[in-house]
C-alpha atoms as a PDB file:
ATOM      1  CA  MET A   1     -15.507   2.137 158.839  1.00  0.00           C
ATOM      2  CA  LYS A   2     -17.325   5.386 158.100  1.00  0.00           C
ATOM      3  CA  ILE A   3     -19.989   6.334 160.606  1.00  0.00           C
ATOM      4  CA  VAL A   4     -22.558   8.739 159.220  1.00  0.00           C
ATOM      5  CA  PHE A   5     -24.355  11.102 161.568  1.00  0.00           C
ATOM      6  CA  GLY A   6     -27.214  12.725 159.699  1.00  0.00           C
ATOM      7  CA  GLY A   7     -29.494  15.450 160.908  1.00  0.00           C
ATOM      8  CA  ALA A   8     -30.696  18.997 160.563  1.00  0.00           C
ATOM      9  CA  PHE A   9     -28.044  20.322 162.991  1.00  0.00           C
ATOM     10  CA  ASN A  10     -30.276  23.346 163.424  1.00  0.00           C
ATOM     11  CA  PRO A  11     -27.998  24.293 165.181  1.00  0.00           C
ATOM     12  CA  ILE A  12     -25.353  21.762 166.148  1.00  0.00           C
ATOM     13  CA  THR A  13     -25.454  21.355 169.926  1.00  0.00           C
ATOM     14  CA  ASN A  14     -23.142  19.971 172.578  1.00  0.00           C
ATOM     15  CA  ALA A  15     -25.277  16.808 172.479  1.00  0.00           C
ATOM     16  CA  HIS A  16     -24.289  16.182 168.853  1.00  0.00           C
ATOM     17  CA  ILE A  17     -20.627  16.366 169.871  1.00  0.00           C
ATOM     18  CA  LEU A  18     -21.271  14.038 172.821  1.00  0.00           C
ATOM     19  CA  VAL A  19     -22.903  11.541 170.432  1.00  0.00           C
ATOM     20  CA  TYR A  20     -19.732  11.557 168.333  1.00  0.00           C
ATOM     21  CA  LYS A  21     -17.556  11.049 171.436  1.00  0.00           C
ATOM     22  CA  GLU A  22     -19.743   8.223 172.785  1.00  0.00           C
ATOM     23  CA  VAL A  23     -19.878   6.334 169.489  1.00  0.00           C
ATOM     24  CA  LYS A  24     -16.114   6.797 169.118  1.00  0.00           C
ATOM     25  CA  LYS A  25     -15.653   4.834 172.371  1.00  0.00           C
ATOM     26  CA  HIS A  26     -17.365   1.850 170.732  1.00  0.00           C
ATOM     27  CA  PHE A  27     -15.790   2.241 167.272  1.00  0.00           C
ATOM     28  CA  LYS A  28     -12.289   3.543 168.034  1.00  0.00           C
ATOM     29  CA  HIS A  29     -10.897   3.348 164.496  1.00  0.00           C
ATOM     30  CA  ALA A  30     -13.931   4.723 162.685  1.00  0.00           C
ATOM     31  CA  THR A  31     -14.053   8.086 160.999  1.00  0.00           C
ATOM     32  CA  PHE A  32     -17.194  10.177 160.964  1.00  0.00           C
ATOM     33  CA  VAL A  33     -19.238  11.966 158.349  1.00  0.00           C
ATOM     34  CA  PHE A  34     -21.659  14.609 159.587  1.00  0.00           C
ATOM     35  CA  LEU A  35     -24.407  14.784 156.976  1.00  0.00           C
ATOM     36  CA  PRO A  36     -26.699  17.814 157.269  1.00  0.00           C
ATOM     37  CA  VAL A  37     -30.024  17.569 155.458  1.00  0.00           C
ATOM     38  CA  SER A  38     -30.708  20.161 152.802  1.00  0.00           C
ATOM     39  CA  SER A  39     -33.441  22.742 152.929  1.00  0.00           C
ATOM     40  CA  ALA A  40     -35.274  20.445 150.454  1.00  0.00           C
ATOM     41  CA  TYR A  41     -36.049  18.316 153.530  1.00  0.00           C
ATOM     42  CA  THR A  42     -39.296  19.549 155.001  1.00  0.00           C
ATOM     43  CA  LYS A  43     -38.566  20.649 158.529  1.00  0.00           C
ATOM     44  CA  SER A  44     -39.872  23.762 160.219  1.00  0.00           C
ATOM     45  CA  ALA A  45     -37.622  26.647 161.234  1.00  0.00           C
ATOM     46  CA  LEU A  46     -34.658  25.266 159.303  1.00  0.00           C
ATOM     47  CA  ALA A  47     -31.805  27.752 158.988  1.00  0.00           C
ATOM     48  CA  SER A  48     -30.241  28.023 155.541  1.00  0.00           C
ATOM     49  CA  ASN A  49     -27.846  25.364 154.320  1.00  0.00           C
ATOM     50  CA  HIS A  50     -25.000  27.893 154.439  1.00  0.00           C
ATOM     51  CA  TYR A  51     -25.515  28.842 158.095  1.00  0.00           C
ATOM     52  CA  ARG A  52     -25.893  25.238 159.271  1.00  0.00           C
ATOM     53  CA  GLN A  53     -22.749  24.163 157.400  1.00  0.00           C
ATOM     54  CA  GLU A  54     -20.783  27.075 158.857  1.00  0.00           C
ATOM     55  CA  MET A  55     -21.893  26.180 162.391  1.00  0.00           C
ATOM     56  CA  LEU A  56     -20.835  22.558 161.828  1.00  0.00           C
ATOM     57  CA  HIS A  57     -17.391  23.710 160.689  1.00  0.00           C
ATOM     58  CA  LEU A  58     -17.033  26.038 163.682  1.00  0.00           C
ATOM     59  CA  ALA A  59     -17.851  23.202 166.080  1.00  0.00           C
ATOM     60  CA  LEU A  60     -16.105  20.282 164.384  1.00  0.00           C
ATOM     61  CA  ASP A  61     -13.081  21.395 162.364  1.00  0.00           C
ATOM     62  CA  LYS A  62     -10.836  20.729 165.376  1.00  0.00           C
ATOM     63  CA  TYR A  63     -11.511  16.954 165.078  1.00  0.00           C
ATOM     64  CA  ASP A  64      -9.300  15.299 162.478  1.00  0.00           C
ATOM     65  CA  ASP A  65     -11.530  12.219 162.108  1.00  0.00           C
ATOM     66  CA  ILE A  66     -14.689  14.142 161.144  1.00  0.00           C
ATOM     67  CA  GLU A  67     -15.756  15.224 157.683  1.00  0.00           C
ATOM     68  CA  ILE A  68     -18.724  17.490 157.020  1.00  0.00           C
ATOM     69  CA  SER A  69     -20.490  16.342 153.878  1.00  0.00           C
ATOM     70  CA  ASP A  70     -22.399  18.594 151.510  1.00  0.00           C
ATOM     71  CA  LEU A  71     -23.912  15.577 149.730  1.00  0.00           C
ATOM     72  CA  GLU A  72     -27.526  16.210 150.748  1.00  0.00           C
ATOM     73  CA  ILE A  73     -27.050  19.985 150.814  1.00  0.00           C
ATOM     74  CA  ASN A  74     -26.315  19.814 147.067  1.00  0.00           C
ATOM     75  CA  ASP A  75     -29.370  17.677 146.287  1.00  0.00           C
ATOM     76  CA  SER A  76     -32.354  19.524 144.837  1.00  0.00           C
ATOM     77  CA  ASP A  77     -34.742  16.898 146.280  1.00  0.00           C
ATOM     78  CA  PHE A  78     -34.663  14.864 149.473  1.00  0.00           C
ATOM     79  CA  LEU A  79     -33.707  11.363 148.315  1.00  0.00           C
ATOM     80  CA  GLY A  80     -33.657   9.659 151.707  1.00  0.00           C
ATOM     81  CA  THR A  81     -31.035   8.189 153.981  1.00  0.00           C
ATOM     82  CA  TYR A  82     -30.595   5.003 151.954  1.00  0.00           C
ATOM     83  CA  GLN A  83     -29.537   6.848 148.790  1.00  0.00           C
ATOM     84  CA  SER A  84     -27.154   9.051 150.764  1.00  0.00           C
ATOM     85  CA  LEU A  85     -25.505   6.055 152.424  1.00  0.00           C
ATOM     86  CA  ILE A  86     -25.157   4.263 149.073  1.00  0.00           C
ATOM     87  CA  ARG A  87     -23.378   7.311 147.629  1.00  0.00           C
ATOM     88  CA  ILE A  88     -21.122   7.640 150.690  1.00  0.00           C
ATOM     89  CA  SER A  89     -20.328   3.921 150.559  1.00  0.00           C
ATOM     90  CA  ASP A  90     -19.427   4.183 146.859  1.00  0.00           C
ATOM     91  CA  ARG A  91     -17.215   7.199 147.534  1.00  0.00           C
ATOM     92  CA  TYR A  92     -15.162   5.621 150.307  1.00  0.00           C
ATOM     93  CA  ASP A  93     -15.384   1.942 149.416  1.00  0.00           C
ATOM     94  CA  GLU A  94     -15.609   0.904 153.052  1.00  0.00           C
ATOM     95  CA  GLU A  95     -18.250  -0.247 155.493  1.00  0.00           C
ATOM     96  CA  VAL A  96     -20.756   2.471 156.414  1.00  0.00           C
ATOM     97  CA  ALA A  97     -22.923   2.689 159.531  1.00  0.00           C
ATOM     98  CA  PHE A  98     -25.603   5.234 160.397  1.00  0.00           C
ATOM     99  CA  ILE A  99     -26.332   6.788 163.807  1.00  0.00           C
ATOM    100  CA  VAL A 100     -29.873   7.313 165.077  1.00  0.00           C
ATOM    101  CA  GLY A 101     -31.384   8.209 168.418  1.00  0.00           C
ATOM    102  CA  SER A 102     -33.790   5.623 169.822  1.00  0.00           C
ATOM    103  CA  ASP A 103     -36.649   8.081 169.259  1.00  0.00           C
ATOM    104  CA  ASN A 104     -36.053   7.674 165.494  1.00  0.00           C
ATOM    105  CA  LEU A 105     -37.075   4.013 165.721  1.00  0.00           C
ATOM    106  CA  ASP A 106     -40.681   5.190 166.034  1.00  0.00           C
ATOM    107  CA  GLY A 107     -41.870   5.405 162.457  1.00  0.00           C
ATOM    108  CA  MET A 108     -38.574   4.247 160.975  1.00  0.00           C
ATOM    109  CA  GLU A 109     -40.415   1.570 158.993  1.00  0.00           C
ATOM    110  CA  ASN A 110     -41.845   4.463 156.929  1.00  0.00           C
ATOM    111  CA  TRP A 111     -38.434   5.778 155.823  1.00  0.00           C
ATOM    112  CA  ILE A 112     -37.695   5.769 152.103  1.00  0.00           C
ATOM    113  CA  ASN A 113     -36.433   2.271 151.118  1.00  0.00           C
ATOM    114  CA  ILE A 114     -36.143   1.163 154.743  1.00  0.00           C
ATOM    115  CA  GLU A 115     -35.591  -2.493 153.821  1.00  0.00           C
ATOM    116  CA  GLY A 116     -32.634  -1.583 151.616  1.00  0.00           C
ATOM    117  CA  LEU A 117     -31.235   0.610 154.369  1.00  0.00           C
ATOM    118  CA  LEU A 118     -31.504  -2.098 156.997  1.00  0.00           C
ATOM    119  CA  SER A 119     -30.225  -4.893 154.783  1.00  0.00           C
ATOM    120  CA  ASP A 120     -27.189  -2.952 153.531  1.00  0.00           C
ATOM    121  CA  PHE A 121     -26.083  -0.873 156.532  1.00  0.00           C
ATOM    122  CA  GLN A 122     -25.496  -1.176 160.246  1.00  0.00           C
ATOM    123  CA  ILE A 123     -27.590   1.161 162.404  1.00  0.00           C
ATOM    124  CA  ILE A 124     -26.052   2.491 165.620  1.00  0.00           C
ATOM    125  CA  VAL A 125     -28.840   3.353 168.071  1.00  0.00           C
ATOM    126  CA  LEU A 126     -28.226   5.634 171.027  1.00  0.00           C
ATOM    127  CA  ASN A 127     -30.723   5.570 173.850  1.00  0.00           C
ATOM    128  CA  ARG A 128     -32.803   8.674 174.450  1.00  0.00           C
ATOM    129  CA  HIS A 129     -35.174   9.118 177.375  1.00  0.00           C
ATOM    130  CA  ASN A 130     -34.420   5.637 178.785  1.00  0.00           C
ATOM    131  CA  ASP A 131     -36.271   3.951 175.919  1.00  0.00           C
ATOM    132  CA  ASP A 132     -36.610   0.191 175.779  1.00  0.00           C
ATOM    133  CA  ILE A 133     -34.849  -0.091 172.424  1.00  0.00           C
ATOM    134  CA  GLN A 134     -35.396  -3.817 171.995  1.00  0.00           C
ATOM    135  CA  GLN A 135     -39.121  -3.334 172.573  1.00  0.00           C
ATOM    136  CA  LYS A 136     -39.215  -0.570 169.920  1.00  0.00           C
ATOM    137  CA  ILE A 137     -37.468  -2.880 167.452  1.00  0.00           C
ATOM    138  CA  ASN A 138     -39.796  -5.788 168.285  1.00  0.00           C
ATOM    139  CA  GLN A 139     -42.908  -3.617 167.753  1.00  0.00           C
ATOM    140  CA  SER A 140     -42.109  -3.170 164.059  1.00  0.00           C
ATOM    141  CA  PRO A 141     -42.076  -6.287 161.859  1.00  0.00           C
ATOM    142  CA  ILE A 142     -39.567  -4.635 159.481  1.00  0.00           C
ATOM    143  CA  LEU A 143     -37.167  -3.550 162.232  1.00  0.00           C
ATOM    144  CA  LYS A 144     -37.482  -6.919 163.967  1.00  0.00           C
ATOM    145  CA  LYS A 145     -36.647  -8.712 160.700  1.00  0.00           C
ATOM    146  CA  TYR A 146     -33.318  -6.839 160.602  1.00  0.00           C
ATOM    147  CA  GLN A 147     -32.615  -6.663 164.334  1.00  0.00           C
ATOM    148  CA  SER A 148     -29.117  -8.069 163.857  1.00  0.00           C
ATOM    149  CA  LYS A 149     -28.222  -4.849 161.981  1.00  0.00           C
ATOM    150  CA  PHE A 150     -28.746  -2.701 165.095  1.00  0.00           C
ATOM    151  CA  TYR A 151     -25.833  -1.871 167.390  1.00  0.00           C
ATOM    152  CA  ILE A 152     -27.390  -0.556 170.601  1.00  0.00           C
ATOM    153  CA  ILE A 153     -25.702   1.883 172.972  1.00  0.00           C
ATOM    154  CA  ASN A 154     -27.898   1.987 176.065  1.00  0.00           C
ATOM    155  CA  ASP A 155     -25.609   3.896 178.421  1.00  0.00           C
ATOM    156  CA  PHE A 156     -26.199   7.274 176.778  1.00  0.00           C
ATOM    157  CA  ASP A 157     -28.908   9.801 177.463  1.00  0.00           C
ATOM    158  CA  VAL A 158     -28.255  13.491 177.015  1.00  0.00           C
ATOM    159  CA  ALA A 159     -31.243  15.802 177.351  1.00  0.00           C
ATOM    160  CA  ILE A 160     -30.129  18.539 174.954  1.00  0.00           C
ATOM    161  CA  SER A 161     -31.797  19.304 171.648  1.00  0.00           C
ATOM    162  CA  SER A 162     -31.599  21.912 168.916  1.00  0.00           C
ATOM    163  CA  THR A 163     -35.265  22.707 169.552  1.00  0.00           C
ATOM    164  CA  GLN A 164     -34.477  23.352 173.209  1.00  0.00           C
ATOM    165  CA  PHE A 165     -31.736  25.776 172.190  1.00  0.00           C
ATOM    166  CA  ARG A 166     -33.958  27.606 169.689  1.00  0.00           C
ATOM    167  CA  GLU A 167     -36.644  28.011 172.358  1.00  0.00           C
ATOM    168  CA  THR A 168     -34.339  29.171 175.156  1.00  0.00           C
ATOM    169  CA  PHE A 169     -31.127  30.481 173.577  1.00  0.00           C
ATOM    170  CA  ASP A 170     -29.367  28.835 176.526  1.00  0.00           C
ATOM    171  CA  GLN A 171     -25.695  29.391 175.719  1.00  0.00           C
ATOM    172  CA  SER A 172     -24.652  26.248 177.625  1.00  0.00           C
ATOM    173  CA  LEU A 173     -26.374  24.003 175.037  1.00  0.00           C
ATOM    174  CA  VAL A 174     -24.104  24.854 172.094  1.00  0.00           C
ATOM    175  CA  PRO A 175     -20.376  25.364 171.584  1.00  0.00           C
ATOM    176  CA  LYS A 176     -19.317  28.961 172.300  1.00  0.00           C
ATOM    177  CA  GLU A 177     -18.195  29.622 168.728  1.00  0.00           C
ATOM    178  CA  VAL A 178     -21.605  28.441 167.460  1.00  0.00           C
ATOM    179  CA  TYR A 179     -23.436  30.654 169.946  1.00  0.00           C
ATOM    180  CA  ASP A 180     -21.359  33.662 168.897  1.00  0.00           C
ATOM    181  CA  TYR A 181     -22.052  32.913 165.225  1.00  0.00           C
ATOM    182  CA  ILE A 182     -25.798  32.668 165.878  1.00  0.00           C
ATOM    183  CA  LYS A 183     -25.801  36.025 167.663  1.00  0.00           C
ATOM    184  CA  GLU A 184     -23.598  37.671 165.035  1.00  0.00           C
ATOM    185  CA  ASN A 185     -25.869  36.507 162.200  1.00  0.00           C
ATOM    186  CA  ASP A 186     -29.156  37.011 164.063  1.00  0.00           C
ATOM    187  CA  LEU A 187     -30.245  33.387 163.537  1.00  0.00           C
ATOM    188  CA  TYR A 188     -33.383  31.855 165.003  1.00  0.00           C
END
């Protein structure tokens, strides 16, 4: 199984690494694909594709079961998670799952081709902020229709975010090599 962890990684934080380690406990034989969004994705204060990819490599190259994909980075338009997972699935010819935080369930029914995404792929949901994940799923008719596709990890809640780092520059929130790279390149 390939487990895809998508995000801005702006920058990668210790929480992103803890997500990988927690999901690995539940899916011991899976390999991971970190999938950074491209700058074509509209998100404020997004560092360049190059810098975000470099920070991912600095933080993750020591793990032999993680690949950093440039799939979305190379896209000129944001095509959505479903299209990315289809292309990853075609490339590896194995089952693909996608990681989200429970906060992403809010508004998920508005994602591009959400029904295709939920019918074709397993979604691994990690709890954030002690959310009632089942309630969030039940509140959306589309999510509820596909509730069997959700694998819920409730015993995880790490209060670290990339936004928090960008606002505080707290060195303890990111790997040391990432912090040094940010300082060296005057990012954020």
